[in-house]
Amino acid sequence: MWTTHADFKNIVKAIWNIQIDGSKMYQICRRLYLLRKPLYTLNKLCYSHIDKKELDTREKIDDLQKQLDLNPHDLALQNTEKIICSGK
């Protein structure tokens, strides 16, 4: 999930470019440890409350489909429904 986020690679690259002294194993462990906080923050900001987001999206789709039932030839509504259903 994180790997699809636009900032993920920049976060990892920034941490991985930090100069750390010690053995190779220590350097890897330290970098992984330093990644914990930024990835936790990314997760909290972008991927929390998934259930609520899903419910909101379902409600939007239901409203759009009701509007499409009333006006089935409205291209703007059809395009909006496609965008919401595709997850973009």
N, C-alpha and C. Protein backbone atom coordinates (compact mmCIF):
# COMPACT_ATOMS: atom_id res chain seq x y z
N MET A 1 0.82 -1.18 0.00
CA MET A 1 0.00 0.00 0.00
C MET A 1 0.88 1.26 0.00
N TRP A 2 1.86 1.30 0.86
CA TRP A 2 2.72 2.49 0.93
C TRP A 2 3.47 2.72 -0.37
N THR A 3 3.87 1.64 -1.01
CA THR A 3 4.71 1.78 -2.20
C THR A 3 4.00 2.48 -3.34
N THR A 4 2.68 2.54 -3.30
CA THR A 4 1.93 3.23 -4.35
C THR A 4 1.81 4.72 -4.09
N HIS A 5 2.14 5.16 -2.90
CA HIS A 5 2.04 6.58 -2.55
C HIS A 5 3.17 7.37 -3.22
N ALA A 6 2.86 8.58 -3.67
CA ALA A 6 3.83 9.40 -4.41
C ALA A 6 5.07 9.74 -3.59
N ASP A 7 4.93 9.89 -2.28
CA ASP A 7 6.06 10.30 -1.44
C ASP A 7 6.88 9.13 -0.92
N PHE A 8 6.45 7.91 -1.12
CA PHE A 8 7.12 6.76 -0.52
C PHE A 8 8.60 6.67 -0.93
N LYS A 9 8.86 6.73 -2.22
CA LYS A 9 10.24 6.59 -2.69
C LYS A 9 11.12 7.71 -2.16
N ASN A 10 10.58 8.93 -2.10
CA ASN A 10 11.36 10.05 -1.58
C ASN A 10 11.68 9.87 -0.10
N ILE A 11 10.75 9.34 0.65
CA ILE A 11 10.98 9.10 2.08
C ILE A 11 12.08 8.06 2.25
N VAL A 12 11.98 6.96 1.54
CA VAL A 12 12.99 5.90 1.65
C VAL A 12 14.35 6.41 1.17
N LYS A 13 14.36 7.13 0.06
CA LYS A 13 15.62 7.64 -0.48
C LYS A 13 16.29 8.59 0.51
N ALA A 14 15.51 9.47 1.14
CA ALA A 14 16.08 10.42 2.10
C ALA A 14 16.72 9.70 3.29
N ILE A 15 16.05 8.69 3.80
CA ILE A 15 16.60 7.93 4.93
C ILE A 15 17.80 7.11 4.48
N TRP A 16 17.72 6.51 3.31
CA TRP A 16 18.80 5.62 2.85
C TRP A 16 20.06 6.40 2.51
N ASN A 17 19.94 7.69 2.22
CA ASN A 17 21.11 8.51 1.89
C ASN A 17 21.80 9.08 3.12
N ILE A 18 21.27 8.84 4.30
CA ILE A 18 21.91 9.32 5.53
C ILE A 18 23.19 8.53 5.76
N GLN A 19 24.27 9.24 6.08
CA GLN A 19 25.55 8.60 6.36
C GLN A 19 25.52 8.00 7.76
N ILE A 20 25.73 6.69 7.84
CA ILE A 20 25.73 5.99 9.12
C ILE A 20 27.02 5.18 9.21
N ASP A 21 27.75 5.36 10.32
CA ASP A 21 28.98 4.62 10.55
C ASP A 21 28.67 3.29 11.22
N GLY A 22 29.50 2.30 10.95
CA GLY A 22 29.35 0.99 11.57
C GLY A 22 29.37 -0.10 10.53
N SER A 23 29.12 -1.30 10.97
CA SER A 23 29.11 -2.44 10.06
C SER A 23 27.92 -2.34 9.10
N LYS A 24 27.98 -3.09 8.02
CA LYS A 24 26.90 -3.07 7.03
C LYS A 24 25.57 -3.47 7.67
N MET A 25 25.60 -4.49 8.53
CA MET A 25 24.38 -4.93 9.20
C MET A 25 23.82 -3.82 10.09
N TYR A 26 24.69 -3.12 10.81
CA TYR A 26 24.24 -2.03 11.67
C TYR A 26 23.64 -0.91 10.83
N GLN A 27 24.26 -0.58 9.70
CA GLN A 27 23.77 0.49 8.83
C GLN A 27 22.36 0.17 8.33
N ILE A 28 22.14 -1.06 7.91
CA ILE A 28 20.81 -1.47 7.43
C ILE A 28 19.79 -1.40 8.56
N CYS A 29 20.15 -1.95 9.70
CA CYS A 29 19.22 -1.95 10.85
C CYS A 29 18.88 -0.52 11.27
N ARG A 30 19.88 0.34 11.29
CA ARG A 30 19.66 1.73 11.69
C ARG A 30 18.76 2.45 10.69
N ARG A 31 18.98 2.23 9.41
CA ARG A 31 18.14 2.88 8.39
C ARG A 31 16.69 2.38 8.49
N LEU A 32 16.53 1.09 8.69
CA LEU A 32 15.18 0.55 8.85
C LEU A 32 14.50 1.15 10.09
N TYR A 33 15.27 1.30 11.15
CA TYR A 33 14.73 1.91 12.37
C TYR A 33 14.32 3.37 12.10
N LEU A 34 15.15 4.09 11.37
CA LEU A 34 14.85 5.49 11.06
C LEU A 34 13.64 5.63 10.13
N LEU A 35 13.34 4.59 9.36
CA LEU A 35 12.17 4.62 8.46
C LEU A 35 10.85 4.48 9.22
N ARG A 36 10.91 3.94 10.42
CA ARG A 36 9.68 3.64 11.16
C ARG A 36 8.79 4.87 11.34
N LYS A 37 9.35 5.97 11.84
CA LYS A 37 8.53 7.15 12.15
C LYS A 37 7.93 7.79 10.88
N PRO A 38 8.72 8.04 9.83
CA PRO A 38 8.11 8.62 8.62
C PRO A 38 7.04 7.73 7.99
N LEU A 39 7.27 6.41 7.99
CA LEU A 39 6.27 5.52 7.41
C LEU A 39 5.03 5.42 8.29
N TYR A 40 5.21 5.50 9.60
CA TYR A 40 4.08 5.53 10.52
C TYR A 40 3.24 6.79 10.25
N THR A 41 3.91 7.91 10.08
CA THR A 41 3.21 9.17 9.81
C THR A 41 2.47 9.09 8.47
N LEU A 42 3.13 8.56 7.45
CA LEU A 42 2.49 8.39 6.15
C LEU A 42 1.25 7.51 6.26
N ASN A 43 1.38 6.43 6.99
CA ASN A 43 0.24 5.53 7.19
C ASN A 43 -0.91 6.24 7.90
N LYS A 44 -0.58 6.99 8.93
CA LYS A 44 -1.61 7.67 9.71
C LYS A 44 -2.33 8.73 8.89
N LEU A 45 -1.57 9.49 8.10
CA LEU A 45 -2.16 10.57 7.33
C LEU A 45 -2.95 10.09 6.11
N CYS A 46 -2.46 9.06 5.45
CA CYS A 46 -3.03 8.67 4.16
C CYS A 46 -3.86 7.40 4.17
N TYR A 47 -3.64 6.53 5.14
CA TYR A 47 -4.29 5.23 5.07
C TYR A 47 -5.11 4.88 6.31
N SER A 48 -5.38 5.87 7.14
CA SER A 48 -6.20 5.57 8.31
C SER A 48 -7.68 5.77 7.97
N HIS A 49 -8.53 5.19 8.75
CA HIS A 49 -9.99 5.30 8.60
C HIS A 49 -10.48 4.80 7.25
N ILE A 50 -9.94 3.68 6.82
CA ILE A 50 -10.32 3.10 5.53
C ILE A 50 -11.80 2.75 5.50
N ASP A 51 -12.33 2.25 6.62
CA ASP A 51 -13.75 1.87 6.66
C ASP A 51 -14.65 3.06 6.38
N LYS A 52 -14.34 4.21 6.98
CA LYS A 52 -15.15 5.41 6.76
C LYS A 52 -15.04 5.88 5.31
N LYS A 53 -13.84 5.83 4.76
CA LYS A 53 -13.66 6.24 3.37
C LYS A 53 -14.45 5.34 2.42
N GLU A 54 -14.47 4.04 2.72
CA GLU A 54 -15.23 3.10 1.90
C GLU A 54 -16.73 3.41 1.99
N LEU A 55 -17.21 3.67 3.19
CA LEU A 55 -18.63 3.98 3.38
C LEU A 55 -19.00 5.27 2.64
N ASP A 56 -18.14 6.28 2.73
CA ASP A 56 -18.39 7.54 2.02
C ASP A 56 -18.44 7.32 0.51
N THR A 57 -17.53 6.50 0.00
CA THR A 57 -17.51 6.22 -1.44
C THR A 57 -18.76 5.48 -1.87
N ARG A 58 -19.18 4.51 -1.05
CA ARG A 58 -20.42 3.78 -1.38
C ARG A 58 -21.63 4.72 -1.41
N GLU A 59 -21.68 5.66 -0.48
CA GLU A 59 -22.79 6.62 -0.46
C GLU A 59 -22.76 7.50 -1.70
N LYS A 60 -21.56 7.94 -2.12
CA LYS A 60 -21.44 8.75 -3.33
C LYS A 60 -21.93 7.97 -4.55
N ILE A 61 -21.53 6.72 -4.63
CA ILE A 61 -21.95 5.88 -5.76
C ILE A 61 -23.46 5.69 -5.76
N ASP A 62 -24.04 5.44 -4.59
CA ASP A 62 -25.49 5.27 -4.49
C ASP A 62 -26.21 6.54 -4.96
N ASP A 63 -25.75 7.70 -4.52
CA ASP A 63 -26.36 8.97 -4.93
C ASP A 63 -26.24 9.17 -6.44
N LEU A 64 -25.07 8.89 -6.98
CA LEU A 64 -24.88 9.04 -8.43
C LEU A 64 -25.78 8.10 -9.21
N GLN A 65 -25.92 6.87 -8.73
CA GLN A 65 -26.76 5.92 -9.45
C GLN A 65 -28.24 6.32 -9.39
N LYS A 66 -28.67 6.91 -8.28
CA LYS A 66 -30.04 7.42 -8.21
C LYS A 66 -30.24 8.55 -9.20
N GLN A 67 -29.23 9.43 -9.31
CA GLN A 67 -29.33 10.53 -10.28
C GLN A 67 -29.31 9.99 -11.71
N LEU A 68 -28.51 8.95 -11.93
CA LEU A 68 -28.47 8.35 -13.28
C LEU A 68 -29.78 7.65 -13.63
N ASP A 69 -30.47 7.11 -12.63
CA ASP A 69 -31.78 6.50 -12.89
C ASP A 69 -32.76 7.56 -13.38
N LEU A 70 -32.64 8.78 -12.85
CA LEU A 70 -33.53 9.86 -13.25
C LEU A 70 -33.12 10.48 -14.59
N ASN A 71 -31.81 10.46 -14.87
CA ASN A 71 -31.30 11.07 -16.09
C ASN A 71 -30.20 10.17 -16.67
N PRO A 72 -30.58 9.07 -17.32
CA PRO A 72 -29.61 8.07 -17.77
C PRO A 72 -28.66 8.53 -18.89
N HIS A 73 -28.97 9.62 -19.56
CA HIS A 73 -28.15 10.07 -20.68
C HIS A 73 -27.19 11.19 -20.31
N ASP A 74 -27.08 11.50 -19.03
CA ASP A 74 -26.19 12.57 -18.56
C ASP A 74 -24.74 12.05 -18.57
N LEU A 75 -23.95 12.54 -19.51
CA LEU A 75 -22.58 12.07 -19.66
C LEU A 75 -21.70 12.48 -18.48
N ALA A 76 -21.95 13.64 -17.92
CA ALA A 76 -21.16 14.10 -16.78
C ALA A 76 -21.33 13.15 -15.59
N LEU A 77 -22.57 12.74 -15.33
CA LEU A 77 -22.82 11.79 -14.25
C LEU A 77 -22.17 10.44 -14.54
N GLN A 78 -22.23 10.00 -15.79
CA GLN A 78 -21.62 8.72 -16.16
C GLN A 78 -20.10 8.76 -15.96
N ASN A 79 -19.49 9.87 -16.36
CA ASN A 79 -18.04 10.00 -16.19
C ASN A 79 -17.65 10.08 -14.72
N THR A 80 -18.44 10.78 -13.93
CA THR A 80 -18.17 10.88 -12.50
C THR A 80 -18.27 9.51 -11.85
N GLU A 81 -19.26 8.74 -12.23
CA GLU A 81 -19.41 7.39 -11.69
C GLU A 81 -18.21 6.51 -12.05
N LYS A 82 -17.74 6.62 -13.29
CA LYS A 82 -16.58 5.83 -13.71
C LYS A 82 -15.34 6.20 -12.90
N ILE A 83 -15.16 7.49 -12.66
CA ILE A 83 -13.99 7.96 -11.91
C ILE A 83 -14.06 7.44 -10.46
N ILE A 84 -15.21 7.56 -9.84
CA ILE A 84 -15.35 7.12 -8.44
C ILE A 84 -15.19 5.60 -8.35
N CYS A 85 -15.78 4.87 -9.27
CA CYS A 85 -15.68 3.40 -9.23
C CYS A 85 -14.28 2.90 -9.52
N SER A 86 -13.50 3.66 -10.29
CA SER A 86 -12.15 3.22 -10.61
C SER A 86 -11.18 3.51 -9.46
N GLY A 87 -11.62 4.31 -8.48
CA GLY A 87 -10.80 4.59 -7.31
C GLY A 87 -9.82 5.71 -7.48
N LYS A 88 -9.98 6.53 -8.45
CA LYS A 88 -9.05 7.65 -8.69
C LYS A 88 -9.53 8.89 -7.99
